[in-house]
Amino acid sequence: METWMVVLIWVVVIAAIGAGLYFWGRKLQKRYDEQQQMVNQYKQVVPLFVIDKKKDKLENLKLPKQVKEQVPKMQRKRKMPVVIAKAGPQIVTLMCDEVVYNTVPVKKQIKAEVAGIMLVNVVSGKLPTPQKEGFMNKMKRKAKELRNK
């Protein structure tokens, strides 16, 4: 076989992988947009007293059995950021994103947007001063902003 045939085969294989990743990414983005729309539809502002926040595996958390079954298998083994808070007389365990997790103060009263057991956003309260953002985190944030537009 000549070298140009080998190069041509490599180009075709890389193009096929790129096309597959492109369509898979579009499918995942569509699913994410649908979930985000549902979260925005059901979110409400709730006063919370944050007791603790931690990252722990799903099996160690006090979450309803139905919620644990709905989490994808890939996510079950990972450590998830959770906030343990008091909402009225009830102590609840709320799941959240990494960005929200970093902004939640411990042992403070806050008002937060909650959708089910998902802590979506911190609206008000004594928030910790933001730390200087690193280069990689800044690039991730900018990419996420561009993706959400």
N, C-alpha and C. Protein backbone atom coordinates (compact mmCIF):
# COMPACT_ATOMS: atom_id res chain seq x y z
N MET A 1 0.83 -1.17 0.00
CA MET A 1 0.00 0.00 0.00
C MET A 1 0.88 1.24 0.00
N GLU A 2 0.42 2.22 -0.71
CA GLU A 2 1.20 3.45 -0.78
C GLU A 2 0.84 4.35 0.40
N THR A 3 1.70 5.29 0.65
CA THR A 3 1.49 6.18 1.81
C THR A 3 0.25 7.05 1.65
N TRP A 4 -0.09 7.45 0.44
CA TRP A 4 -1.26 8.31 0.27
C TRP A 4 -2.54 7.55 0.59
N MET A 5 -2.56 6.23 0.38
CA MET A 5 -3.73 5.42 0.75
C MET A 5 -3.89 5.36 2.26
N VAL A 6 -2.77 5.20 2.96
CA VAL A 6 -2.80 5.16 4.43
C VAL A 6 -3.30 6.50 4.97
N VAL A 7 -2.78 7.59 4.42
CA VAL A 7 -3.21 8.92 4.85
C VAL A 7 -4.69 9.13 4.56
N LEU A 8 -5.16 8.69 3.42
CA LEU A 8 -6.57 8.81 3.05
C LEU A 8 -7.46 8.02 4.01
N ILE A 9 -7.05 6.84 4.39
CA ILE A 9 -7.83 6.03 5.35
C ILE A 9 -7.89 6.74 6.70
N TRP A 10 -6.76 7.28 7.14
CA TRP A 10 -6.75 8.00 8.42
C TRP A 10 -7.67 9.22 8.37
N VAL A 11 -7.66 9.96 7.29
CA VAL A 11 -8.52 11.15 7.15
C VAL A 11 -9.99 10.74 7.21
N VAL A 12 -10.35 9.67 6.53
CA VAL A 12 -11.74 9.21 6.52
C VAL A 12 -12.16 8.76 7.92
N VAL A 13 -11.32 8.04 8.62
CA VAL A 13 -11.64 7.56 9.97
C VAL A 13 -11.80 8.75 10.93
N ILE A 14 -10.89 9.71 10.85
CA ILE A 14 -10.99 10.88 11.74
C ILE A 14 -12.23 11.70 11.41
N ALA A 15 -12.57 11.84 10.14
CA ALA A 15 -13.78 12.57 9.75
C ALA A 15 -15.03 11.86 10.26
N ALA A 16 -15.06 10.54 10.19
CA ALA A 16 -16.21 9.78 10.69
C ALA A 16 -16.35 9.94 12.20
N ILE A 17 -15.25 9.89 12.92
CA ILE A 17 -15.29 10.07 14.37
C ILE A 17 -15.76 11.48 14.71
N GLY A 18 -15.27 12.47 13.99
CA GLY A 18 -15.68 13.86 14.22
C GLY A 18 -17.16 14.06 13.97
N ALA A 19 -17.69 13.48 12.89
CA ALA A 19 -19.11 13.60 12.59
C ALA A 19 -19.95 12.92 13.66
N GLY A 20 -19.51 11.75 14.12
CA GLY A 20 -20.24 11.05 15.18
C GLY A 20 -20.28 11.86 16.47
N LEU A 21 -19.14 12.44 16.84
CA LEU A 21 -19.10 13.28 18.04
C LEU A 21 -19.96 14.53 17.89
N TYR A 22 -20.01 15.10 16.70
CA TYR A 22 -20.83 16.28 16.46
C TYR A 22 -22.31 15.98 16.69
N PHE A 23 -22.81 14.90 16.10
CA PHE A 23 -24.23 14.57 16.24
C PHE A 23 -24.56 14.10 17.66
N TRP A 24 -23.64 13.42 18.31
CA TRP A 24 -23.86 13.00 19.70
C TRP A 24 -23.93 14.23 20.61
N GLY A 25 -23.06 15.21 20.35
CA GLY A 25 -23.07 16.46 21.12
C GLY A 25 -24.35 17.25 20.94
N ARG A 26 -24.86 17.26 19.72
CA ARG A 26 -26.14 17.95 19.48
C ARG A 26 -27.28 17.27 20.22
N LYS A 27 -27.26 15.95 20.27
CA LYS A 27 -28.29 15.19 20.99
C LYS A 27 -28.22 15.49 22.49
N LEU A 28 -27.01 15.50 23.05
CA LEU A 28 -26.85 15.80 24.47
C LEU A 28 -27.25 17.24 24.79
N GLN A 29 -26.92 18.18 23.90
CA GLN A 29 -27.29 19.58 24.10
C GLN A 29 -28.81 19.75 24.09
N LYS A 30 -29.48 19.05 23.21
CA LYS A 30 -30.95 19.12 23.15
C LYS A 30 -31.56 18.59 24.45
N ARG A 31 -31.04 17.49 24.95
CA ARG A 31 -31.53 16.91 26.20
C ARG A 31 -31.28 17.87 27.37
N TYR A 32 -30.11 18.50 27.40
CA TYR A 32 -29.79 19.46 28.45
C TYR A 32 -30.73 20.66 28.41
N ASP A 33 -31.03 21.16 27.20
CA ASP A 33 -31.93 22.30 27.07
C ASP A 33 -33.34 21.97 27.57
N GLU A 34 -33.82 20.76 27.28
CA GLU A 34 -35.13 20.34 27.76
C GLU A 34 -35.16 20.27 29.29
N GLN A 35 -34.10 19.72 29.88
CA GLN A 35 -34.04 19.64 31.34
C GLN A 35 -33.96 21.02 31.97
N GLN A 36 -33.19 21.92 31.36
CA GLN A 36 -33.05 23.27 31.89
C GLN A 36 -34.37 24.02 31.80
N GLN A 37 -35.13 23.81 30.74
CA GLN A 37 -36.44 24.44 30.60
C GLN A 37 -37.39 23.95 31.70
N MET A 38 -37.34 22.65 32.01
CA MET A 38 -38.20 22.11 33.06
C MET A 38 -37.80 22.66 34.43
N VAL A 39 -36.51 22.77 34.68
CA VAL A 39 -36.03 23.33 35.95
C VAL A 39 -36.50 24.78 36.09
N ASN A 40 -36.37 25.57 35.03
CA ASN A 40 -36.80 26.96 35.08
C ASN A 40 -38.30 27.09 35.28
N GLN A 41 -39.05 26.14 34.78
CA GLN A 41 -40.50 26.18 34.91
C GLN A 41 -40.93 25.94 36.36
N TYR A 42 -40.23 25.08 37.10
CA TYR A 42 -40.66 24.68 38.43
C TYR A 42 -39.87 25.32 39.57
N LYS A 43 -38.94 26.20 39.28
CA LYS A 43 -38.14 26.76 40.37
C LYS A 43 -38.93 27.81 41.15
N GLN A 44 -38.63 27.87 42.45
CA GLN A 44 -39.26 28.86 43.32
C GLN A 44 -38.26 29.31 44.36
N VAL A 45 -38.44 30.54 44.84
CA VAL A 45 -37.53 31.10 45.82
C VAL A 45 -37.94 30.64 47.21
N VAL A 46 -36.98 30.08 47.96
CA VAL A 46 -37.24 29.53 49.28
C VAL A 46 -36.17 30.03 50.25
N PRO A 47 -36.57 30.47 51.45
CA PRO A 47 -35.55 30.80 52.45
C PRO A 47 -34.98 29.52 53.06
N LEU A 48 -33.67 29.44 53.14
CA LEU A 48 -32.99 28.25 53.65
C LEU A 48 -31.95 28.66 54.69
N PHE A 49 -31.75 27.81 55.67
CA PHE A 49 -30.61 27.94 56.58
C PHE A 49 -29.68 26.79 56.24
N VAL A 50 -28.52 27.11 55.71
CA VAL A 50 -27.57 26.09 55.26
C VAL A 50 -26.85 25.51 56.48
N ILE A 51 -27.03 24.23 56.69
CA ILE A 51 -26.40 23.53 57.81
C ILE A 51 -25.00 23.06 57.43
N ASP A 52 -24.91 22.42 56.25
CA ASP A 52 -23.64 21.84 55.83
C ASP A 52 -23.66 21.70 54.32
N LYS A 53 -22.49 21.64 53.74
CA LYS A 53 -22.37 21.30 52.33
C LYS A 53 -21.19 20.35 52.19
N LYS A 54 -21.36 19.36 51.31
CA LYS A 54 -20.30 18.37 51.15
C LYS A 54 -20.40 17.72 49.78
N LYS A 55 -19.36 17.01 49.43
CA LYS A 55 -19.34 16.21 48.21
C LYS A 55 -19.27 14.76 48.66
N ASP A 56 -20.26 13.99 48.23
CA ASP A 56 -20.32 12.60 48.68
C ASP A 56 -20.94 11.75 47.58
N LYS A 57 -20.74 10.44 47.68
CA LYS A 57 -21.32 9.52 46.71
C LYS A 57 -22.83 9.41 46.94
N LEU A 58 -23.53 9.07 45.89
CA LEU A 58 -24.99 9.02 45.92
C LEU A 58 -25.51 8.01 46.93
N GLU A 59 -24.82 6.90 47.09
CA GLU A 59 -25.30 5.85 48.00
C GLU A 59 -25.21 6.28 49.47
N ASN A 60 -24.36 7.28 49.78
CA ASN A 60 -24.22 7.73 51.16
C ASN A 60 -25.16 8.87 51.53
N LEU A 61 -25.89 9.40 50.55
CA LEU A 61 -26.75 10.55 50.79
C LEU A 61 -28.16 10.13 51.18
N LYS A 62 -28.81 10.97 51.93
CA LYS A 62 -30.20 10.72 52.34
C LYS A 62 -31.13 11.34 51.30
N LEU A 63 -31.26 10.67 50.18
CA LEU A 63 -32.15 11.10 49.11
C LEU A 63 -33.23 10.04 48.92
N PRO A 64 -34.39 10.44 48.40
CA PRO A 64 -35.45 9.45 48.14
C PRO A 64 -34.97 8.36 47.18
N LYS A 65 -35.52 7.16 47.35
CA LYS A 65 -35.13 6.02 46.52
C LYS A 65 -35.40 6.28 45.05
N GLN A 66 -36.51 6.96 44.77
CA GLN A 66 -36.88 7.26 43.38
C GLN A 66 -35.83 8.15 42.72
N VAL A 67 -35.29 9.10 43.46
CA VAL A 67 -34.26 9.99 42.91
C VAL A 67 -32.99 9.20 42.63
N LYS A 68 -32.61 8.32 43.54
CA LYS A 68 -31.40 7.52 43.35
C LYS A 68 -31.51 6.62 42.13
N GLU A 69 -32.70 6.12 41.84
CA GLU A 69 -32.89 5.24 40.68
C GLU A 69 -32.82 6.02 39.38
N GLN A 70 -33.20 7.30 39.39
CA GLN A 70 -33.23 8.10 38.16
C GLN A 70 -31.87 8.63 37.75
N VAL A 71 -30.91 8.62 38.66
CA VAL A 71 -29.58 9.13 38.34
C VAL A 71 -28.90 8.14 37.39
N PRO A 72 -28.28 8.64 36.31
CA PRO A 72 -27.59 7.74 35.38
C PRO A 72 -26.50 6.92 36.07
N LYS A 73 -26.25 5.74 35.53
CA LYS A 73 -25.29 4.81 36.14
C LYS A 73 -23.88 5.40 36.21
N MET A 74 -23.51 6.20 35.23
CA MET A 74 -22.18 6.81 35.22
C MET A 74 -22.02 7.79 36.39
N GLN A 75 -23.11 8.45 36.79
CA GLN A 75 -23.04 9.45 37.84
C GLN A 75 -23.14 8.86 39.24
N ARG A 76 -23.59 7.63 39.37
CA ARG A 76 -23.81 7.03 40.68
C ARG A 76 -22.52 6.83 41.47
N LYS A 77 -21.42 6.59 40.80
CA LYS A 77 -20.15 6.33 41.47
C LYS A 77 -19.38 7.62 41.77
N ARG A 78 -19.77 8.71 41.14
CA ARG A 78 -19.06 9.97 41.34
C ARG A 78 -19.52 10.67 42.61
N LYS A 79 -18.67 11.52 43.12
CA LYS A 79 -19.04 12.35 44.26
C LYS A 79 -19.84 13.54 43.74
N MET A 80 -20.98 13.79 44.38
CA MET A 80 -21.87 14.85 43.94
C MET A 80 -21.90 15.95 45.00
N PRO A 81 -21.93 17.23 44.57
CA PRO A 81 -22.03 18.31 45.55
C PRO A 81 -23.47 18.41 46.07
N VAL A 82 -23.63 18.38 47.39
CA VAL A 82 -24.94 18.49 48.00
C VAL A 82 -24.89 19.51 49.13
N VAL A 83 -26.06 20.09 49.40
CA VAL A 83 -26.21 21.07 50.46
C VAL A 83 -27.28 20.54 51.41
N ILE A 84 -26.95 20.47 52.69
CA ILE A 84 -27.92 20.07 53.70
C ILE A 84 -28.43 21.35 54.34
N ALA A 85 -29.74 21.59 54.21
CA ALA A 85 -30.30 22.86 54.65
C ALA A 85 -31.61 22.63 55.39
N LYS A 86 -32.00 23.64 56.15
CA LYS A 86 -33.26 23.60 56.86
C LYS A 86 -34.22 24.54 56.15
N ALA A 87 -35.30 23.97 55.61
CA ALA A 87 -36.33 24.74 54.92
C ALA A 87 -37.58 24.68 55.79
N GLY A 88 -37.82 25.74 56.56
CA GLY A 88 -38.92 25.71 57.52
C GLY A 88 -38.56 24.75 58.64
N PRO A 89 -39.47 23.84 59.02
CA PRO A 89 -39.14 22.89 60.09
C PRO A 89 -38.44 21.63 59.59
N GLN A 90 -38.24 21.53 58.29
CA GLN A 90 -37.77 20.29 57.68
C GLN A 90 -36.30 20.42 57.26
N ILE A 91 -35.51 19.38 57.51
CA ILE A 91 -34.13 19.33 57.04
C ILE A 91 -34.10 18.54 55.74
N VAL A 92 -33.56 19.18 54.69
CA VAL A 92 -33.56 18.56 53.36
C VAL A 92 -32.14 18.49 52.82
N THR A 93 -31.92 17.52 51.94
CA THR A 93 -30.67 17.38 51.21
C THR A 93 -30.93 17.83 49.79
N LEU A 94 -30.21 18.85 49.34
CA LEU A 94 -30.41 19.41 48.01
C LEU A 94 -29.18 19.16 47.15
N MET A 95 -29.40 18.70 45.93
CA MET A 95 -28.30 18.53 44.98
C MET A 95 -28.09 19.86 44.28
N CYS A 96 -26.86 20.12 43.81
CA CYS A 96 -26.60 21.37 43.10
C CYS A 96 -25.43 21.21 42.14
N ASP A 97 -25.25 22.23 41.30
CA ASP A 97 -24.12 22.26 40.39
C ASP A 97 -22.87 22.71 41.14
N GLU A 98 -21.73 22.51 40.52
CA GLU A 98 -20.45 22.90 41.13
C GLU A 98 -20.38 24.42 41.33
N VAL A 99 -20.90 25.19 40.39
CA VAL A 99 -20.86 26.65 40.48
C VAL A 99 -21.69 27.14 41.66
N VAL A 100 -22.89 26.59 41.81
CA VAL A 100 -23.77 26.97 42.91
C VAL A 100 -23.17 26.51 44.24
N TYR A 101 -22.59 25.33 44.23
CA TYR A 101 -21.97 24.77 45.44
C TYR A 101 -20.89 25.70 45.99
N ASN A 102 -20.12 26.31 45.10
CA ASN A 102 -19.04 27.20 45.53
C ASN A 102 -19.56 28.53 46.09
N THR A 103 -20.77 28.94 45.72
CA THR A 103 -21.31 30.22 46.19
C THR A 103 -22.14 30.10 47.46
N VAL A 104 -22.49 28.89 47.87
CA VAL A 104 -23.34 28.70 49.05
C VAL A 104 -22.51 28.85 50.32
N PRO A 105 -22.90 29.78 51.23
CA PRO A 105 -22.19 29.89 52.50
C PRO A 105 -22.71 28.87 53.50
N VAL A 106 -21.87 28.45 54.43
CA VAL A 106 -22.26 27.48 55.44
C VAL A 106 -22.66 28.23 56.71
N LYS A 107 -23.66 27.68 57.43
CA LYS A 107 -24.16 28.26 58.68
C LYS A 107 -24.71 29.67 58.49
N LYS A 108 -25.37 29.91 57.35
CA LYS A 108 -25.95 31.22 57.04
C LYS A 108 -27.37 31.05 56.52
N GLN A 109 -28.15 32.10 56.68
CA GLN A 109 -29.51 32.15 56.15
C GLN A 109 -29.43 32.74 54.74
N ILE A 110 -30.01 32.05 53.76
CA ILE A 110 -30.00 32.53 52.38
C ILE A 110 -31.39 32.36 51.77
N LYS A 111 -31.59 33.04 50.66
CA LYS A 111 -32.77 32.80 49.83
C LYS A 111 -32.24 32.19 48.53
N ALA A 112 -32.81 31.06 48.17
CA ALA A 112 -32.30 30.33 47.02
C ALA A 112 -33.44 29.87 46.14
N GLU A 113 -33.15 29.71 44.86
CA GLU A 113 -34.11 29.15 43.92
C GLU A 113 -33.97 27.63 43.96
N VAL A 114 -35.08 26.95 44.23
CA VAL A 114 -35.08 25.50 44.36
C VAL A 114 -36.13 24.93 43.40
N ALA A 115 -35.75 23.88 42.70
CA ALA A 115 -36.68 23.14 41.83
C ALA A 115 -36.63 21.69 42.27
N GLY A 116 -37.62 21.25 43.04
CA GLY A 116 -37.63 19.89 43.56
C GLY A 116 -36.53 19.74 44.59
N ILE A 117 -35.58 18.85 44.34
CA ILE A 117 -34.44 18.70 45.25
C ILE A 117 -33.17 19.30 44.64
N MET A 118 -33.34 20.14 43.63
CA MET A 118 -32.20 20.76 42.94
C MET A 118 -32.07 22.21 43.37
N LEU A 119 -30.93 22.57 43.93
CA LEU A 119 -30.64 23.95 44.27
C LEU A 119 -30.11 24.61 43.00
N VAL A 120 -30.89 25.55 42.44
CA VAL A 120 -30.57 26.13 41.14
C VAL A 120 -29.69 27.35 41.26
N ASN A 121 -30.00 28.25 42.21
CA ASN A 121 -29.29 29.51 42.29
C ASN A 121 -29.44 30.09 43.69
N VAL A 122 -28.44 30.84 44.13
CA VAL A 122 -28.53 31.58 45.38
C VAL A 122 -28.92 33.01 45.04
N VAL A 123 -30.08 33.45 45.57
CA VAL A 123 -30.59 34.78 45.22
C VAL A 123 -30.01 35.84 46.14
N SER A 124 -30.07 35.63 47.45
CA SER A 124 -29.56 36.63 48.37
C SER A 124 -29.05 35.97 49.63
N GLY A 125 -28.35 36.75 50.41
CA GLY A 125 -27.76 36.25 51.64
C GLY A 125 -26.33 36.73 51.74
N LYS A 126 -25.66 36.41 52.81
CA LYS A 126 -24.27 36.79 52.97
C LYS A 126 -23.40 35.79 52.23
N LEU A 127 -23.14 36.10 50.99
CA LEU A 127 -22.36 35.19 50.15
C LEU A 127 -20.87 35.40 50.39
N PRO A 128 -20.10 34.34 50.28
CA PRO A 128 -18.65 34.49 50.46
C PRO A 128 -18.05 35.31 49.32
N THR A 129 -16.95 35.98 49.59
CA THR A 129 -16.29 36.77 48.56
C THR A 129 -15.73 35.82 47.50
N PRO A 130 -15.95 36.14 46.25
CA PRO A 130 -15.46 35.23 45.20
C PRO A 130 -13.94 35.24 45.13
N GLN A 131 -13.39 34.04 44.94
CA GLN A 131 -11.95 33.92 44.81
C GLN A 131 -11.54 34.27 43.39
N LYS A 132 -10.28 34.57 43.22
CA LYS A 132 -9.78 34.88 41.89
C LYS A 132 -9.93 33.65 41.01
N GLU A 133 -10.48 33.88 39.83
CA GLU A 133 -10.78 32.77 38.93
C GLU A 133 -9.54 32.37 38.15
N GLY A 134 -9.25 31.08 38.11
CA GLY A 134 -8.10 30.58 37.38
C GLY A 134 -8.35 30.57 35.88
N PHE A 135 -7.31 30.36 35.12
CA PHE A 135 -7.40 30.38 33.67
C PHE A 135 -8.34 29.30 33.14
N MET A 136 -8.20 28.06 33.63
CA MET A 136 -9.03 26.97 33.13
C MET A 136 -10.50 27.19 33.49
N ASN A 137 -10.77 27.64 34.73
CA ASN A 137 -12.15 27.89 35.13
C ASN A 137 -12.76 29.03 34.32
N LYS A 138 -11.96 30.03 34.00
CA LYS A 138 -12.45 31.14 33.19
C LYS A 138 -12.81 30.65 31.79
N MET A 139 -11.98 29.79 31.22
CA MET A 139 -12.26 29.26 29.88
C MET A 139 -13.50 28.38 29.89
N LYS A 140 -13.69 27.57 30.95
CA LYS A 140 -14.88 26.73 31.06
C LYS A 140 -16.13 27.59 31.17
N ARG A 141 -16.06 28.67 31.97
CA ARG A 141 -17.21 29.55 32.15
C ARG A 141 -17.57 30.23 30.83
N LYS A 142 -16.58 30.71 30.09
CA LYS A 142 -16.84 31.37 28.82
C LYS A 142 -17.44 30.39 27.81
N ALA A 143 -16.94 29.16 27.80
CA ALA A 143 -17.49 28.15 26.89
C ALA A 143 -18.93 27.83 27.24
N LYS A 144 -19.24 27.77 28.52
CA LYS A 144 -20.61 27.49 28.96
C LYS A 144 -21.53 28.65 28.57
N GLU A 145 -21.05 29.89 28.72
CA GLU A 145 -21.86 31.05 28.34
C GLU A 145 -22.14 31.03 26.85
N LEU A 146 -21.14 30.71 26.05
CA LEU A 146 -21.33 30.67 24.60
C LEU A 146 -22.31 29.56 24.22
N ARG A 147 -22.25 28.43 24.94
CA ARG A 147 -23.13 27.30 24.65
C ARG A 147 -24.58 27.64 25.01
N ASN A 148 -24.79 28.44 26.06
CA ASN A 148 -26.14 28.77 26.50
C ASN A 148 -26.79 29.86 25.68
N LYS A 149 -26.02 30.55 24.84
CA LYS A 149 -26.61 31.63 24.01
C LYS A 149 -27.39 31.08 22.86
